[in-house]
């Protein structure tokens, strides 16, 4: 099993702004992504469906190692 880490930004800002988010959901998205792609700034985007969020799509941003989670939010504009 991959060991995931979380940036200070995620711990202090993302979880504060979006208290409904769960770290387990972010890890699940990385392990079962519907899609992933590189992003500028040596980061990666991953999208996954979270049934506990009424089936919404969660976008998770990682650092370049793909195991350090930096940001996460529901993505209303996701197109498969």
N, C-alpha and C. Protein backbone atom coordinates (compact mmCIF):
# COMPACT_ATOMS: atom_id res chain seq x y z
N UNK A 1 0.85 -1.19 0.00
CA UNK A 1 0.00 0.00 0.00
C UNK A 1 0.89 1.25 0.00
N UNK A 2 0.55 2.19 -0.83
CA UNK A 2 1.30 3.44 -0.94
C UNK A 2 1.07 4.29 0.31
N UNK A 3 2.12 4.90 0.79
CA UNK A 3 1.99 5.81 1.93
C UNK A 3 1.82 7.22 1.39
N UNK A 4 0.70 7.82 1.71
CA UNK A 4 0.41 9.17 1.25
C UNK A 4 0.78 10.18 2.31
N UNK A 5 1.18 11.36 1.84
CA UNK A 5 1.49 12.48 2.71
C UNK A 5 0.59 13.63 2.31
N UNK A 6 0.53 14.63 3.16
CA UNK A 6 -0.30 15.80 2.92
C UNK A 6 0.53 17.04 3.20
N UNK A 7 0.43 18.01 2.28
CA UNK A 7 1.19 19.25 2.48
C UNK A 7 0.60 20.05 3.65
N UNK A 8 1.39 20.96 4.14
CA UNK A 8 0.92 21.85 5.20
C UNK A 8 -0.28 22.66 4.69
N UNK A 9 -0.22 23.06 3.43
CA UNK A 9 -1.35 23.80 2.83
C UNK A 9 -2.63 22.96 2.91
N UNK A 10 -2.55 21.69 2.55
CA UNK A 10 -3.73 20.83 2.62
C UNK A 10 -4.26 20.75 4.05
N UNK A 11 -3.36 20.48 4.98
CA UNK A 11 -3.76 20.31 6.39
C UNK A 11 -4.37 21.57 6.97
N UNK A 12 -3.77 22.72 6.67
CA UNK A 12 -4.19 23.97 7.32
C UNK A 12 -5.22 24.77 6.56
N UNK A 13 -5.23 24.69 5.25
CA UNK A 13 -6.14 25.52 4.46
C UNK A 13 -7.28 24.71 3.83
N UNK A 14 -6.93 23.66 3.12
CA UNK A 14 -7.96 22.90 2.39
C UNK A 14 -8.97 22.30 3.36
N UNK A 15 -8.49 21.63 4.39
CA UNK A 15 -9.42 21.00 5.34
C UNK A 15 -10.20 22.04 6.14
N UNK A 16 -9.63 23.21 6.35
CA UNK A 16 -10.35 24.28 7.04
C UNK A 16 -11.47 24.83 6.16
N UNK A 17 -11.16 25.05 4.87
CA UNK A 17 -12.14 25.61 3.93
C UNK A 17 -13.21 24.60 3.53
N UNK A 18 -12.82 23.31 3.50
CA UNK A 18 -13.74 22.25 3.07
C UNK A 18 -13.76 21.14 4.13
N UNK A 19 -14.35 21.42 5.29
CA UNK A 19 -14.30 20.46 6.39
C UNK A 19 -15.01 19.13 6.11
N UNK A 20 -15.83 19.09 5.08
CA UNK A 20 -16.54 17.86 4.72
C UNK A 20 -15.62 16.85 4.02
N UNK A 21 -14.46 17.31 3.51
CA UNK A 21 -13.54 16.42 2.81
C UNK A 21 -12.89 15.44 3.77
N UNK A 22 -12.62 14.24 3.25
CA UNK A 22 -11.93 13.23 4.05
C UNK A 22 -10.66 12.81 3.32
N UNK A 23 -9.61 12.65 4.09
CA UNK A 23 -8.33 12.23 3.51
C UNK A 23 -8.47 10.90 2.77
N UNK A 24 -9.29 10.00 3.33
CA UNK A 24 -9.49 8.69 2.70
C UNK A 24 -10.04 8.83 1.28
N UNK A 25 -10.91 9.82 1.07
CA UNK A 25 -11.46 10.04 -0.27
C UNK A 25 -10.36 10.44 -1.23
N UNK A 26 -9.47 11.30 -0.80
CA UNK A 26 -8.36 11.74 -1.65
C UNK A 26 -7.47 10.56 -2.03
N UNK A 27 -7.18 9.72 -1.07
CA UNK A 27 -6.35 8.55 -1.34
C UNK A 27 -7.06 7.59 -2.30
N UNK A 28 -8.36 7.45 -2.12
CA UNK A 28 -9.15 6.58 -3.00
C UNK A 28 -9.12 7.09 -4.44
N UNK A 29 -9.20 8.41 -4.61
CA UNK A 29 -9.14 8.99 -5.96
C UNK A 29 -7.80 8.65 -6.62
N UNK A 30 -6.71 8.78 -5.87
CA UNK A 30 -5.39 8.48 -6.45
C UNK A 30 -5.28 7.01 -6.84
N UNK A 31 -5.88 6.14 -6.07
CA UNK A 31 -5.77 4.70 -6.33
C UNK A 31 -6.75 4.22 -7.41
N UNK A 32 -7.82 4.97 -7.63
CA UNK A 32 -8.86 4.55 -8.59
C UNK A 32 -9.28 5.71 -9.49
N UNK A 33 -8.33 6.43 -10.02
CA UNK A 33 -8.63 7.63 -10.80
C UNK A 33 -9.38 7.30 -12.08
N UNK A 34 -10.38 8.14 -12.37
CA UNK A 34 -11.07 8.06 -13.66
C UNK A 34 -10.16 8.63 -14.75
N UNK A 35 -9.35 9.64 -14.35
CA UNK A 35 -8.41 10.27 -15.27
C UNK A 35 -7.33 10.96 -14.46
N UNK A 36 -6.16 11.08 -15.04
CA UNK A 36 -5.08 11.85 -14.41
C UNK A 36 -4.27 12.51 -15.52
N UNK A 37 -3.63 13.62 -15.17
CA UNK A 37 -2.80 14.33 -16.15
C UNK A 37 -1.82 15.24 -15.42
N UNK A 38 -0.70 15.53 -16.07
CA UNK A 38 0.24 16.48 -15.47
C UNK A 38 -0.35 17.89 -15.47
N UNK A 39 0.08 18.67 -14.54
CA UNK A 39 -0.35 20.06 -14.41
C UNK A 39 0.91 20.91 -14.34
N UNK A 40 0.79 22.18 -14.68
CA UNK A 40 1.94 23.07 -14.59
C UNK A 40 2.47 23.10 -13.16
N UNK A 41 3.73 23.46 -13.00
CA UNK A 41 4.33 23.55 -11.68
C UNK A 41 4.69 22.19 -11.09
N UNK A 42 4.93 21.19 -11.95
CA UNK A 42 5.32 19.85 -11.49
C UNK A 42 4.30 19.22 -10.55
N UNK A 43 3.02 19.40 -10.86
CA UNK A 43 1.95 18.81 -10.08
C UNK A 43 1.13 17.91 -10.99
N UNK A 44 0.29 17.10 -10.38
CA UNK A 44 -0.58 16.19 -11.14
C UNK A 44 -2.01 16.32 -10.66
N UNK A 45 -2.93 16.17 -11.59
CA UNK A 45 -4.37 16.20 -11.29
C UNK A 45 -4.92 14.79 -11.42
N UNK A 46 -5.79 14.44 -10.50
CA UNK A 46 -6.49 13.15 -10.53
C UNK A 46 -7.96 13.42 -10.28
N UNK A 47 -8.81 12.70 -10.99
CA UNK A 47 -10.26 12.81 -10.79
C UNK A 47 -10.83 11.45 -10.42
N UNK A 48 -11.77 11.46 -9.49
CA UNK A 48 -12.44 10.22 -9.12
C UNK A 48 -13.82 10.49 -8.56
N UNK A 49 -14.69 9.51 -8.71
CA UNK A 49 -16.07 9.63 -8.22
C UNK A 49 -16.11 9.20 -6.76
N UNK A 50 -16.78 10.02 -5.94
CA UNK A 50 -16.93 9.72 -4.51
C UNK A 50 -18.42 9.55 -4.22
N UNK A 51 -18.81 8.33 -3.97
CA UNK A 51 -20.23 8.03 -3.73
C UNK A 51 -20.75 8.76 -2.49
N UNK A 52 -19.90 8.91 -1.47
CA UNK A 52 -20.32 9.60 -0.25
C UNK A 52 -20.57 11.09 -0.47
N UNK A 53 -20.12 11.60 -1.59
CA UNK A 53 -20.39 13.00 -1.97
C UNK A 53 -21.50 13.04 -3.01
N UNK A 54 -22.46 12.13 -2.86
CA UNK A 54 -23.59 12.02 -3.79
C UNK A 54 -23.12 11.74 -5.21
N UNK A 55 -22.02 10.97 -5.32
CA UNK A 55 -21.52 10.58 -6.64
C UNK A 55 -20.75 11.66 -7.37
N UNK A 56 -20.46 12.76 -6.69
CA UNK A 56 -19.72 13.85 -7.34
C UNK A 56 -18.29 13.44 -7.64
N UNK A 57 -17.68 14.22 -8.53
CA UNK A 57 -16.28 14.01 -8.91
C UNK A 57 -15.40 14.88 -8.02
N UNK A 58 -14.37 14.26 -7.45
CA UNK A 58 -13.40 14.98 -6.63
C UNK A 58 -12.10 15.10 -7.42
N UNK A 59 -11.58 16.32 -7.53
CA UNK A 59 -10.27 16.53 -8.16
C UNK A 59 -9.24 16.64 -7.05
N UNK A 60 -8.17 15.87 -7.18
CA UNK A 60 -7.09 15.86 -6.19
C UNK A 60 -5.81 16.27 -6.90
N UNK A 61 -5.09 17.22 -6.31
CA UNK A 61 -3.83 17.71 -6.86
C UNK A 61 -2.70 17.19 -5.98
N UNK A 62 -1.69 16.60 -6.62
CA UNK A 62 -0.53 16.12 -5.86
C UNK A 62 0.73 16.86 -6.32
N UNK A 63 1.76 16.72 -5.52
CA UNK A 63 3.07 17.19 -5.93
C UNK A 63 3.62 16.20 -6.96
N UNK A 64 4.80 16.46 -7.50
CA UNK A 64 5.32 15.64 -8.59
C UNK A 64 5.53 14.18 -8.23
N UNK A 65 5.66 13.85 -6.95
CA UNK A 65 5.85 12.45 -6.57
C UNK A 65 4.56 11.62 -6.63
N UNK A 66 3.44 12.28 -6.85
CA UNK A 66 2.11 11.66 -6.97
C UNK A 66 1.62 10.99 -5.70
N UNK A 67 2.29 11.23 -4.58
CA UNK A 67 1.84 10.66 -3.31
C UNK A 67 1.67 11.72 -2.22
N UNK A 68 2.07 12.96 -2.51
CA UNK A 68 1.87 14.04 -1.55
C UNK A 68 0.70 14.88 -2.01
N UNK A 69 -0.38 14.83 -1.26
CA UNK A 69 -1.63 15.50 -1.64
C UNK A 69 -1.57 16.96 -1.20
N UNK A 70 -1.85 17.85 -2.16
CA UNK A 70 -1.73 19.29 -1.94
C UNK A 70 -3.08 20.01 -1.92
N UNK A 71 -4.04 19.54 -2.71
CA UNK A 71 -5.33 20.21 -2.80
C UNK A 71 -6.39 19.21 -3.23
N UNK A 72 -7.63 19.50 -2.91
CA UNK A 72 -8.75 18.65 -3.33
C UNK A 72 -10.03 19.45 -3.28
N UNK A 73 -10.90 19.22 -4.26
CA UNK A 73 -12.18 19.92 -4.30
C UNK A 73 -13.12 19.21 -5.27
N UNK A 74 -14.43 19.35 -5.03
CA UNK A 74 -15.39 18.80 -6.00
C UNK A 74 -15.25 19.56 -7.32
N UNK A 75 -15.26 18.83 -8.42
CA UNK A 75 -15.06 19.43 -9.74
C UNK A 75 -16.35 19.33 -10.54
N UNK A 76 -17.12 20.41 -10.53
CA UNK A 76 -18.40 20.42 -11.25
C UNK A 76 -18.23 20.43 -12.75
N UNK A 77 -17.04 20.82 -13.23
CA UNK A 77 -16.82 20.93 -14.67
C UNK A 77 -16.15 19.72 -15.30
N UNK A 78 -16.00 18.63 -14.56
CA UNK A 78 -15.30 17.45 -15.09
C UNK A 78 -16.04 16.86 -16.28
N UNK A 79 -15.27 16.60 -17.33
CA UNK A 79 -15.81 15.94 -18.53
C UNK A 79 -14.93 14.71 -18.80
N UNK A 80 -15.51 13.52 -18.76
CA UNK A 80 -14.69 12.30 -18.96
C UNK A 80 -14.00 12.22 -20.30
